[in-house]
């Protein structure tokens, strides 16, 4: 004898629950509806730039004119805001990962953010703030370099800062100061730092 709960599900309007779920997963056939659904789904997980959404629509064969219309509408209502995206990206990646302005600008360019918006977003970080973050990064990594000779410590710490986009002169200055505070002799580094300033 079939389970009564199964029978009730099968008798619901629209068929079984499995087929209604499959119907919901089918994308709408109208290209504009499909484009809106794709954009909304992508924006639900994380903010995206207009370029990222345009690329996603192109990969799903949405006609360019339909994509342009949908993306413009999403911008008009504030669902796409590249300036806000850039500002949030800079804030998050600087404080979370310790990235410097140069690395942040590079990342935003790959996301398709306009140069003027990138300049505005990374311009909110001043050099004092950037140097303070560099000092914090070096302080966290310093202990793991103990036991290495001074030059290896310098290369390792300055290299870590360089990968995060810090200028060489600032990286060497910050690392040198940290090593001096630990009692390392850094006089031999005078010529290196002066050459990079």
C-alpha atoms as a PDB file:
ATOM      1  CA  UNK A   1       0.000   0.000   0.000  1.00  0.00           C
ATOM      2  CA  UNK A   2       1.492   3.393  -0.969  1.00  0.00           C
ATOM      3  CA  UNK A   3       2.384   5.883   1.714  1.00  0.00           C
ATOM      4  CA  UNK A   4      -0.497   8.404   2.122  1.00  0.00           C
ATOM      5  CA  UNK A   5       1.902  11.382   2.322  1.00  0.00           C
ATOM      6  CA  UNK A   6       3.340  10.406  -1.070  1.00  0.00           C
ATOM      7  CA  UNK A   7      -0.137  10.193  -2.528  1.00  0.00           C
ATOM      8  CA  UNK A   8      -1.037  13.679  -1.252  1.00  0.00           C
ATOM      9  CA  UNK A   9       2.122  15.173  -2.754  1.00  0.00           C
ATOM     10  CA  UNK A  10       1.475  13.554  -6.112  1.00  0.00           C
ATOM     11  CA  UNK A  11      -2.106  14.873  -6.153  1.00  0.00           C
ATOM     12  CA  UNK A  12      -1.136  18.493  -5.587  1.00  0.00           C
ATOM     13  CA  UNK A  13      -1.731  20.872  -8.471  1.00  0.00           C
ATOM     14  CA  UNK A  14       1.345  20.935 -10.678  1.00  0.00           C
ATOM     15  CA  UNK A  15       2.300  17.306 -10.018  1.00  0.00           C
ATOM     16  CA  UNK A  16       4.807  15.917  -7.571  1.00  0.00           C
ATOM     17  CA  UNK A  17       7.094  18.058  -5.440  1.00  0.00           C
ATOM     18  CA  UNK A  18      10.111  16.830  -7.443  1.00  0.00           C
ATOM     19  CA  UNK A  19       8.691  18.040 -10.737  1.00  0.00           C
ATOM     20  CA  UNK A  20       7.673  21.432  -9.306  1.00  0.00           C
ATOM     21  CA  UNK A  21      11.233  21.908  -7.978  1.00  0.00           C
ATOM     22  CA  UNK A  22      12.616  21.073 -11.411  1.00  0.00           C
ATOM     23  CA  UNK A  23      10.250  23.597 -12.982  1.00  0.00           C
ATOM     24  CA  UNK A  24      11.522  26.289 -10.589  1.00  0.00           C
ATOM     25  CA  UNK A  25      15.114  25.519 -11.562  1.00  0.00           C
ATOM     26  CA  UNK A  26      14.432  25.936 -15.278  1.00  0.00           C
ATOM     27  CA  UNK A  27      15.524  29.398 -16.379  1.00  0.00           C
ATOM     28  CA  UNK A  28      12.867  31.661 -17.881  1.00  0.00           C
ATOM     29  CA  UNK A  29      12.872  31.583 -21.689  1.00  0.00           C
ATOM     30  CA  UNK A  30      12.699  35.364 -22.226  1.00  0.00           C
ATOM     31  CA  UNK A  31      16.343  36.612 -22.492  1.00  0.00           C
ATOM     32  CA  UNK A  32      15.632  39.666 -20.311  1.00  0.00           C
ATOM     33  CA  UNK A  33      14.037  37.488 -17.608  1.00  0.00           C
ATOM     34  CA  UNK A  34      16.973  35.062 -17.809  1.00  0.00           C
ATOM     35  CA  UNK A  35      19.440  37.956 -17.550  1.00  0.00           C
ATOM     36  CA  UNK A  36      17.651  39.383 -14.495  1.00  0.00           C
ATOM     37  CA  UNK A  37      17.555  35.946 -12.844  1.00  0.00           C
ATOM     38  CA  UNK A  38      21.267  35.372 -13.518  1.00  0.00           C
ATOM     39  CA  UNK A  39      22.235  38.786 -12.138  1.00  0.00           C
ATOM     40  CA  UNK A  40      20.065  38.428  -9.043  1.00  0.00           C
ATOM     41  CA  UNK A  41      21.480  34.979  -8.317  1.00  0.00           C
ATOM     42  CA  UNK A  42      25.067  36.227  -8.688  1.00  0.00           C
ATOM     43  CA  UNK A  43      24.438  39.328  -6.586  1.00  0.00           C
ATOM     44  CA  UNK A  44      22.877  37.267  -3.801  1.00  0.00           C
ATOM     45  CA  UNK A  45      26.194  35.635  -2.927  1.00  0.00           C
ATOM     46  CA  UNK A  46      28.488  38.634  -3.095  1.00  0.00           C
ATOM     47  CA  UNK A  47      28.637  42.101  -4.644  1.00  0.00           C
ATOM     48  CA  UNK A  48      29.828  42.142  -8.253  1.00  0.00           C
ATOM     49  CA  UNK A  49      30.974  44.798 -10.683  1.00  0.00           C
ATOM     50  CA  UNK A  50      29.090  45.613 -13.838  1.00  0.00           C
ATOM     51  CA  UNK A  51      31.879  44.021 -15.886  1.00  0.00           C
ATOM     52  CA  UNK A  52      31.724  40.771 -13.913  1.00  0.00           C
ATOM     53  CA  UNK A  53      27.968  40.545 -14.459  1.00  0.00           C
ATOM     54  CA  UNK A  54      28.312  41.409 -18.158  1.00  0.00           C
ATOM     55  CA  UNK A  55      30.845  38.594 -18.574  1.00  0.00           C
ATOM     56  CA  UNK A  56      28.534  36.143 -16.797  1.00  0.00           C
ATOM     57  CA  UNK A  57      25.655  37.115 -19.098  1.00  0.00           C
ATOM     58  CA  UNK A  58      27.858  36.788 -22.181  1.00  0.00           C
ATOM     59  CA  UNK A  59      28.915  33.267 -21.105  1.00  0.00           C
ATOM     60  CA  UNK A  60      25.236  32.343 -20.837  1.00  0.00           C
ATOM     61  CA  UNK A  61      24.508  33.614 -24.359  1.00  0.00           C
ATOM     62  CA  UNK A  62      22.399  36.610 -23.335  1.00  0.00           C
ATOM     63  CA  UNK A  63      22.327  39.046 -26.294  1.00  0.00           C
ATOM     64  CA  UNK A  64      24.499  42.121 -25.694  1.00  0.00           C
ATOM     65  CA  UNK A  65      21.641  44.611 -26.096  1.00  0.00           C
ATOM     66  CA  UNK A  66      19.501  42.705 -23.561  1.00  0.00           C
ATOM     67  CA  UNK A  67      22.431  42.481 -21.136  1.00  0.00           C
ATOM     68  CA  UNK A  68      23.112  46.207 -21.499  1.00  0.00           C
ATOM     69  CA  UNK A  69      19.469  47.060 -20.790  1.00  0.00           C
ATOM     70  CA  UNK A  70      19.260  44.794 -17.723  1.00  0.00           C
ATOM     71  CA  UNK A  71      22.609  45.962 -16.321  1.00  0.00           C
ATOM     72  CA  UNK A  72      21.654  49.623 -16.784  1.00  0.00           C
ATOM     73  CA  UNK A  73      18.383  49.016 -14.955  1.00  0.00           C
ATOM     74  CA  UNK A  74      20.223  47.283 -12.103  1.00  0.00           C
ATOM     75  CA  UNK A  75      22.551  50.297 -11.884  1.00  0.00           C
ATOM     76  CA  UNK A  76      19.597  52.708 -11.867  1.00  0.00           C
ATOM     77  CA  UNK A  77      18.034  50.951  -8.876  1.00  0.00           C
ATOM     78  CA  UNK A  78      21.361  50.615  -7.038  1.00  0.00           C
ATOM     79  CA  UNK A  79      21.859  46.856  -7.306  1.00  0.00           C
ATOM     80  CA  UNK A  80      25.102  47.450  -9.222  1.00  0.00           C
ATOM     81  CA  UNK A  81      27.339  50.191  -7.828  1.00  0.00           C
ATOM     82  CA  UNK A  82      30.976  49.950  -8.883  1.00  0.00           C
ATOM     83  CA  UNK A  83      31.991  52.911  -6.681  1.00  0.00           C
ATOM     84  CA  UNK A  84      30.524  51.260  -3.570  1.00  0.00           C
ATOM     85  CA  UNK A  85      32.061  47.941  -4.632  1.00  0.00           C
ATOM     86  CA  UNK A  86      35.516  49.542  -4.963  1.00  0.00           C
ATOM     87  CA  UNK A  87      35.245  51.305  -1.599  1.00  0.00           C
ATOM     88  CA  UNK A  88      34.150  48.131   0.190  1.00  0.00           C
ATOM     89  CA  UNK A  89      36.854  46.105  -1.579  1.00  0.00           C
ATOM     90  CA  UNK A  90      39.595  48.511  -0.486  1.00  0.00           C
ATOM     91  CA  UNK A  91      38.326  48.587   3.097  1.00  0.00           C
ATOM     92  CA  UNK A  92      37.991  44.819   3.331  1.00  0.00           C
ATOM     93  CA  UNK A  93      41.213  43.803   1.596  1.00  0.00           C
ATOM     94  CA  UNK A  94      43.354  46.443   3.307  1.00  0.00           C
ATOM     95  CA  UNK A  95      42.159  45.634   6.813  1.00  0.00           C
ATOM     96  CA  UNK A  96      41.672  41.914   6.252  1.00  0.00           C
ATOM     97  CA  UNK A  97      44.717  41.038   4.131  1.00  0.00           C
ATOM     98  CA  UNK A  98      46.922  44.094   4.653  1.00  0.00           C
ATOM     99  CA  UNK A  99      47.107  44.912   0.948  1.00  0.00           C
ATOM    100  CA  UNK A 100      48.637  48.234  -0.075  1.00  0.00           C
ATOM    101  CA  UNK A 101      47.178  50.724  -2.565  1.00  0.00           C
ATOM    102  CA  UNK A 102      49.118  49.333  -5.523  1.00  0.00           C
ATOM    103  CA  UNK A 103      47.869  45.750  -4.984  1.00  0.00           C
ATOM    104  CA  UNK A 104      44.317  46.953  -4.354  1.00  0.00           C
ATOM    105  CA  UNK A 105      44.303  48.986  -7.576  1.00  0.00           C
ATOM    106  CA  UNK A 106      45.563  45.961  -9.516  1.00  0.00           C
ATOM    107  CA  UNK A 107      42.790  43.751  -8.091  1.00  0.00           C
ATOM    108  CA  UNK A 108      40.092  46.315  -8.872  1.00  0.00           C
ATOM    109  CA  UNK A 109      41.353  46.655 -12.452  1.00  0.00           C
ATOM    110  CA  UNK A 110      40.960  42.894 -12.922  1.00  0.00           C
ATOM    111  CA  UNK A 111      37.367  43.207 -11.674  1.00  0.00           C
ATOM    112  CA  UNK A 112      36.651  45.801 -14.367  1.00  0.00           C
ATOM    113  CA  UNK A 113      36.297  48.873 -12.148  1.00  0.00           C
ATOM    114  CA  UNK A 114      36.803  52.205 -13.931  1.00  0.00           C
ATOM    115  CA  UNK A 115      40.177  53.909 -13.294  1.00  0.00           C
ATOM    116  CA  UNK A 116      38.606  57.039 -11.785  1.00  0.00           C
ATOM    117  CA  UNK A 117      36.643  54.912  -9.290  1.00  0.00           C
ATOM    118  CA  UNK A 118      39.789  52.946  -8.441  1.00  0.00           C
ATOM    119  CA  UNK A 119      41.743  56.162  -7.807  1.00  0.00           C
ATOM    120  CA  UNK A 120      38.965  57.453  -5.577  1.00  0.00           C
ATOM    121  CA  UNK A 121      38.713  54.219  -3.578  1.00  0.00           C
ATOM    122  CA  UNK A 122      42.442  53.664  -3.024  1.00  0.00           C
ATOM    123  CA  UNK A 123      42.896  57.388  -2.398  1.00  0.00           C
ATOM    124  CA  UNK A 124      41.008  56.945   0.876  1.00  0.00           C
ATOM    125  CA  UNK A 125      44.063  55.128   2.226  1.00  0.00           C
ATOM    126  CA  UNK A 126      46.749  57.625   3.112  1.00  0.00           C
ATOM    127  CA  UNK A 127      50.442  56.763   3.317  1.00  0.00           C
ATOM    128  CA  UNK A 128      50.437  56.939   7.139  1.00  0.00           C
ATOM    129  CA  UNK A 129      47.638  54.382   7.310  1.00  0.00           C
ATOM    130  CA  UNK A 130      49.438  52.197   4.767  1.00  0.00           C
ATOM    131  CA  UNK A 131      52.701  52.359   6.716  1.00  0.00           C
ATOM    132  CA  UNK A 132      50.925  51.519   9.974  1.00  0.00           C
ATOM    133  CA  UNK A 133      49.453  48.408   8.345  1.00  0.00           C
ATOM    134  CA  UNK A 134      52.909  47.466   7.015  1.00  0.00           C
ATOM    135  CA  UNK A 135      54.310  47.746  10.564  1.00  0.00           C
ATOM    136  CA  UNK A 136      51.533  45.489  11.890  1.00  0.00           C
ATOM    137  CA  UNK A 137      52.212  42.894   9.186  1.00  0.00           C
ATOM    138  CA  UNK A 138      55.945  42.882   9.953  1.00  0.00           C
ATOM    139  CA  UNK A 139      55.311  42.652  13.701  1.00  0.00           C
ATOM    140  CA  UNK A 140      53.129  39.544  13.156  1.00  0.00           C
ATOM    141  CA  UNK A 141      55.719  37.853  10.925  1.00  0.00           C
ATOM    142  CA  UNK A 142      58.839  38.932  12.835  1.00  0.00           C
ATOM    143  CA  UNK A 143      58.851  36.111  15.367  1.00  0.00           C
ATOM    144  CA  UNK A 144      58.853  33.434  12.659  1.00  0.00           C
ATOM    145  CA  UNK A 145      62.103  34.892  11.260  1.00  0.00           C
ATOM    146  CA  UNK A 146      64.046  34.746  14.529  1.00  0.00           C
ATOM    147  CA  UNK A 147      67.093  32.544  14.221  1.00  0.00           C
ATOM    148  CA  UNK A 148      67.733  33.603  10.621  1.00  0.00           C
ATOM    149  CA  UNK A 149      70.619  35.939   9.816  1.00  0.00           C
ATOM    150  CA  UNK A 150      69.753  39.632   9.442  1.00  0.00           C
ATOM    151  CA  UNK A 151      69.896  39.708   5.635  1.00  0.00           C
ATOM    152  CA  UNK A 152      67.589  36.705   5.255  1.00  0.00           C
ATOM    153  CA  UNK A 153      65.148  38.224   7.741  1.00  0.00           C
ATOM    154  CA  UNK A 154      65.245  41.483   5.822  1.00  0.00           C
ATOM    155  CA  UNK A 155      64.602  39.752   2.474  1.00  0.00           C
ATOM    156  CA  UNK A 156      61.820  37.597   3.851  1.00  0.00           C
ATOM    157  CA  UNK A 157      59.971  40.452   5.574  1.00  0.00           C
ATOM    158  CA  UNK A 158      60.486  42.980   2.769  1.00  0.00           C
ATOM    159  CA  UNK A 159      59.428  40.336   0.226  1.00  0.00           C
ATOM    160  CA  UNK A 160      56.215  39.713   2.150  1.00  0.00           C
ATOM    161  CA  UNK A 161      55.423  43.433   2.024  1.00  0.00           C
ATOM    162  CA  UNK A 162      56.335  43.668  -1.674  1.00  0.00           C
ATOM    163  CA  UNK A 163      53.886  40.848  -2.511  1.00  0.00           C
ATOM    164  CA  UNK A 164      51.188  42.861  -0.772  1.00  0.00           C
ATOM    165  CA  UNK A 165      51.960  45.894  -2.937  1.00  0.00           C
ATOM    166  CA  UNK A 166      54.068  48.044  -0.596  1.00  0.00           C
ATOM    167  CA  UNK A 167      56.733  50.253  -2.198  1.00  0.00           C
ATOM    168  CA  UNK A 168      60.316  49.027  -1.677  1.00  0.00           C
ATOM    169  CA  UNK A 169      61.466  52.120   0.199  1.00  0.00           C
ATOM    170  CA  UNK A 170      58.608  51.898   2.694  1.00  0.00           C
ATOM    171  CA  UNK A 171      59.036  48.130   3.078  1.00  0.00           C
ATOM    172  CA  UNK A 172      62.751  48.440   3.875  1.00  0.00           C
ATOM    173  CA  UNK A 173      62.180  51.345   6.263  1.00  0.00           C
ATOM    174  CA  UNK A 174      59.505  49.433   8.194  1.00  0.00           C
ATOM    175  CA  UNK A 175      61.513  46.203   8.319  1.00  0.00           C
ATOM    176  CA  UNK A 176      64.685  48.007   9.351  1.00  0.00           C
ATOM    177  CA  UNK A 177      62.880  49.762  12.201  1.00  0.00           C
ATOM    178  CA  UNK A 178      61.396  46.452  13.391  1.00  0.00           C
ATOM    179  CA  UNK A 179      64.804  44.756  13.314  1.00  0.00           C
ATOM    180  CA  UNK A 180      66.404  47.665  15.203  1.00  0.00           C
ATOM    181  CA  UNK A 181      63.737  47.386  17.895  1.00  0.00           C
ATOM    182  CA  UNK A 182      64.801  43.751  18.316  1.00  0.00           C
ATOM    183  CA  UNK A 183      68.430  44.807  18.727  1.00  0.00           C
ATOM    184  CA  UNK A 184      69.673  43.900  15.229  1.00  0.00           C
ATOM    185  CA  UNK A 185      72.539  45.976  13.821  1.00  0.00           C
ATOM    186  CA  UNK A 186      71.148  47.628  10.682  1.00  0.00           C
ATOM    187  CA  UNK A 187      73.881  50.175   9.891  1.00  0.00           C
ATOM    188  CA  UNK A 188      75.001  48.113   6.883  1.00  0.00           C
ATOM    189  CA  UNK A 189      71.520  48.655   5.394  1.00  0.00           C
ATOM    190  CA  UNK A 190      71.923  52.458   5.131  1.00  0.00           C
ATOM    191  CA  UNK A 191      73.006  52.412   1.484  1.00  0.00           C
ATOM    192  CA  UNK A 192      70.194  50.063   0.414  1.00  0.00           C
ATOM    193  CA  UNK A 193      67.430  52.159   1.916  1.00  0.00           C
ATOM    194  CA  UNK A 194      68.879  55.443   0.657  1.00  0.00           C
ATOM    195  CA  UNK A 195      69.116  54.055  -2.868  1.00  0.00           C
ATOM    196  CA  UNK A 196      65.403  53.199  -2.847  1.00  0.00           C
ATOM    197  CA  UNK A 197      64.076  56.418  -1.311  1.00  0.00           C
END
